[in-house]
Structure formats: C-alpha cells, structure tokens
C-alpha atoms as a PDB file:
ATOM      1  CA  MET A   1       6.319  -7.317  -7.448  1.00  0.00           C
ATOM      2  CA  LYS A   2       7.638 -10.489  -9.078  1.00  0.00           C
ATOM      3  CA  GLY A   3      11.185 -11.089  -7.983  1.00  0.00           C
ATOM      4  CA  ASP A   4      10.941  -8.611  -5.113  1.00  0.00           C
ATOM      5  CA  LYS A   5      12.304  -9.882  -1.826  1.00  0.00           C
ATOM      6  CA  ILE A   6       9.576  -9.943   0.779  1.00  0.00           C
ATOM      7  CA  ALA A   7      10.628 -10.419   4.360  1.00  0.00           C
ATOM      8  CA  PRO A   8       8.499 -12.561   6.619  1.00  0.00           C
ATOM      9  CA  GLY A   9       5.758 -10.321   7.822  1.00  0.00           C
ATOM     10  CA  PHE A  10       2.416  -9.041   6.695  1.00  0.00           C
ATOM     11  CA  VAL A  11       0.671  -7.973   3.507  1.00  0.00           C
ATOM     12  CA  VAL A  12      -2.676  -6.407   2.717  1.00  0.00           C
ATOM     13  CA  CYS A  13      -4.832  -8.017   0.030  1.00  0.00           C
ATOM     14  CA  VAL A  14      -5.617  -5.689  -2.892  1.00  0.00           C
ATOM     15  CA  ALA A  15      -7.054  -8.262  -5.340  1.00  0.00           C
ATOM     16  CA  ASN A  16      -8.609 -11.717  -5.094  1.00  0.00           C
ATOM     17  CA  GLU A  17      -9.688 -12.738  -8.597  1.00  0.00           C
ATOM     18  CA  GLY A  18     -10.366 -16.474  -8.452  1.00  0.00           C
ATOM     19  CA  ALA A  19      -9.395 -16.646  -4.778  1.00  0.00           C
ATOM     20  CA  GLU A  20     -12.614 -16.215  -2.825  1.00  0.00           C
ATOM     21  CA  ASP A  21     -10.831 -17.284   0.365  1.00  0.00           C
ATOM     22  CA  LEU A  22      -9.002 -13.922   0.405  1.00  0.00           C
ATOM     23  CA  GLU A  23     -10.664 -10.712   1.570  1.00  0.00           C
ATOM     24  CA  ILE A  24      -9.686  -7.428  -0.073  1.00  0.00           C
ATOM     25  CA  ARG A  25      -8.293  -4.872   2.441  1.00  0.00           C
ATOM     26  CA  LYS A  26      -7.528  -7.592   4.990  1.00  0.00           C
ATOM     27  CA  VAL A  27      -4.025  -8.083   6.417  1.00  0.00           C
ATOM     28  CA  TYR A  28      -2.472 -11.549   6.063  1.00  0.00           C
ATOM     29  CA  GLN A  29       0.651 -13.117   7.518  1.00  0.00           C
ATOM     30  CA  VAL A  30       3.334 -14.131   5.014  1.00  0.00           C
ATOM     31  CA  ILE A  31       5.111 -17.467   5.417  1.00  0.00           C
ATOM     32  CA  PRO A  32       8.670 -17.295   3.983  1.00  0.00           C
ATOM     33  CA  ASP A  33       9.009 -19.367   0.789  1.00  0.00           C
ATOM     34  CA  ARG A  34      11.899 -18.391  -1.499  1.00  0.00           C
ATOM     35  CA  ALA A  35      10.882 -20.694  -4.340  1.00  0.00           C
ATOM     36  CA  ALA A  36       7.353 -19.284  -4.384  1.00  0.00           C
ATOM     37  CA  THR A  37       8.634 -15.697  -4.297  1.00  0.00           C
ATOM     38  CA  ARG A  38      10.983 -16.406  -7.211  1.00  0.00           C
ATOM     39  CA  ASP A  39       7.997 -17.655  -9.200  1.00  0.00           C
ATOM     40  CA  GLY A  40       5.875 -14.574  -8.393  1.00  0.00           C
ATOM     41  CA  PHE A  41       3.808 -16.054  -5.558  1.00  0.00           C
ATOM     42  CA  LEU A  42       3.455 -15.521  -1.823  1.00  0.00           C
ATOM     43  CA  ARG A  43       2.632 -18.132   0.793  1.00  0.00           C
ATOM     44  CA  VAL A  44       0.067 -16.595   3.135  1.00  0.00           C
ATOM     45  CA  LEU A  45      -2.200 -17.788   5.918  1.00  0.00           C
ATOM     46  CA  ASP A  46      -5.685 -17.348   4.483  1.00  0.00           C
ATOM     47  CA  GLU A  47      -9.187 -17.392   5.971  1.00  0.00           C
ATOM     48  CA  SER A  48      -9.011 -21.160   6.511  1.00  0.00           C
ATOM     49  CA  GLY A  49      -5.977 -20.743   8.782  1.00  0.00           C
ATOM     50  CA  GLU A  50      -3.887 -22.771   6.332  1.00  0.00           C
ATOM     51  CA  ASP A  51      -1.038 -21.456   4.204  1.00  0.00           C
ATOM     52  CA  TYR A  52      -1.492 -21.360   0.428  1.00  0.00           C
ATOM     53  CA  LEU A  53       0.243 -19.793  -2.552  1.00  0.00           C
ATOM     54  CA  TYR A  54      -1.310 -16.745  -4.188  1.00  0.00           C
ATOM     55  CA  PRO A  55      -0.008 -14.378  -6.888  1.00  0.00           C
ATOM     56  CA  SER A  56       2.179 -11.720  -5.291  1.00  0.00           C
ATOM     57  CA  THR A  57       0.273  -9.087  -7.291  1.00  0.00           C
ATOM     58  CA  TYR A  58      -2.706  -9.690  -4.981  1.00  0.00           C
ATOM     59  CA  PHE A  59      -0.807  -8.111  -2.064  1.00  0.00           C
ATOM     60  CA  VAL A  60       1.065  -5.043  -0.889  1.00  0.00           C
ATOM     61  CA  SER A  61       3.584  -5.260   1.955  1.00  0.00           C
ATOM     62  CA  VAL A  62       2.696  -3.408   5.150  1.00  0.00           C
ATOM     63  CA  ARG A  63       4.694  -2.540   8.236  1.00  0.00           C
ATOM     64  CA  VAL A  64       3.152  -3.664  11.485  1.00  0.00           C
ATOM     65  CA  PRO A  65       4.345  -2.324  14.861  1.00  0.00           C
ATOM     66  CA  PRO A  66       6.212  -4.973  16.914  1.00  0.00           C
ATOM     67  CA  ALA A  67       3.508  -5.325  19.590  1.00  0.00           C
ATOM     68  CA  ALA A  68       0.791  -5.804  16.985  1.00  0.00           C
ATOM     69  CA  ARG A  69       3.034  -8.140  14.950  1.00  0.00           C
ATOM     70  CA  GLU A  70       3.323 -10.550  17.894  1.00  0.00           C
ATOM     71  CA  LEU A  71      -0.437 -10.568  18.501  1.00  0.00           C
ATOM     72  CA  MET A  72      -1.258 -11.010  14.823  1.00  0.00           C
ATOM     73  CA  ALA A  73       1.228 -13.843  14.368  1.00  0.00           C
ATOM     74  CA  ILE A  74      -0.136 -15.661  17.416  1.00  0.00           C
ATOM     75  CA  SER A  75      -3.755 -15.271  16.337  1.00  0.00           C
ATOM     76  CA  GLY A  76      -2.963 -16.896  12.995  1.00  0.00           C
ATOM     77  CA  ARG A  77      -1.751 -20.106  14.666  1.00  0.00           C
ATOM     78  CA  ARG A  78      -3.982 -22.985  15.645  1.00  0.00           C
END
C-alpha cells in the first residue's frame, strides 16, 4: 500500500502490532496527510479521539455510504 493514494475517508484496521490503541476489524477515519502517505503511513483518528500516524499496512480502504460517512465523521469529532 506504500505510495498508494488514499482519499480522505475511512479504513478498516487489519493489524495492530505495537499499536494497542487500534482495534482490529474497526473502521477509522483517515485524516489527509500527503507527507505521511508518501512515507507509508496513514493519519487516523484512533480510540483516543486524536489523530496519529500508523503504518498504512495496518489498514484497508473501505467505501462508506454518504449518509453513514457524515455520521461517522461527526462522531469522531470532539
């Protein structure tokens, strides 16, 4: 996935080695960060509600219907 362009949106966690604040099979919101993506990372809102960088290999992109996308994006904000 390194170097892949990932549009702002959502990903599902498929690995969390060394990142106990991520839950496998949970959907996370991606925060756009070109520099991080170039380096093989994604900036996601994790369980703490803060955005952090994680290896892009920990995630798979998912499509979320527009109505659900709005609700999920709002719920991730404080």
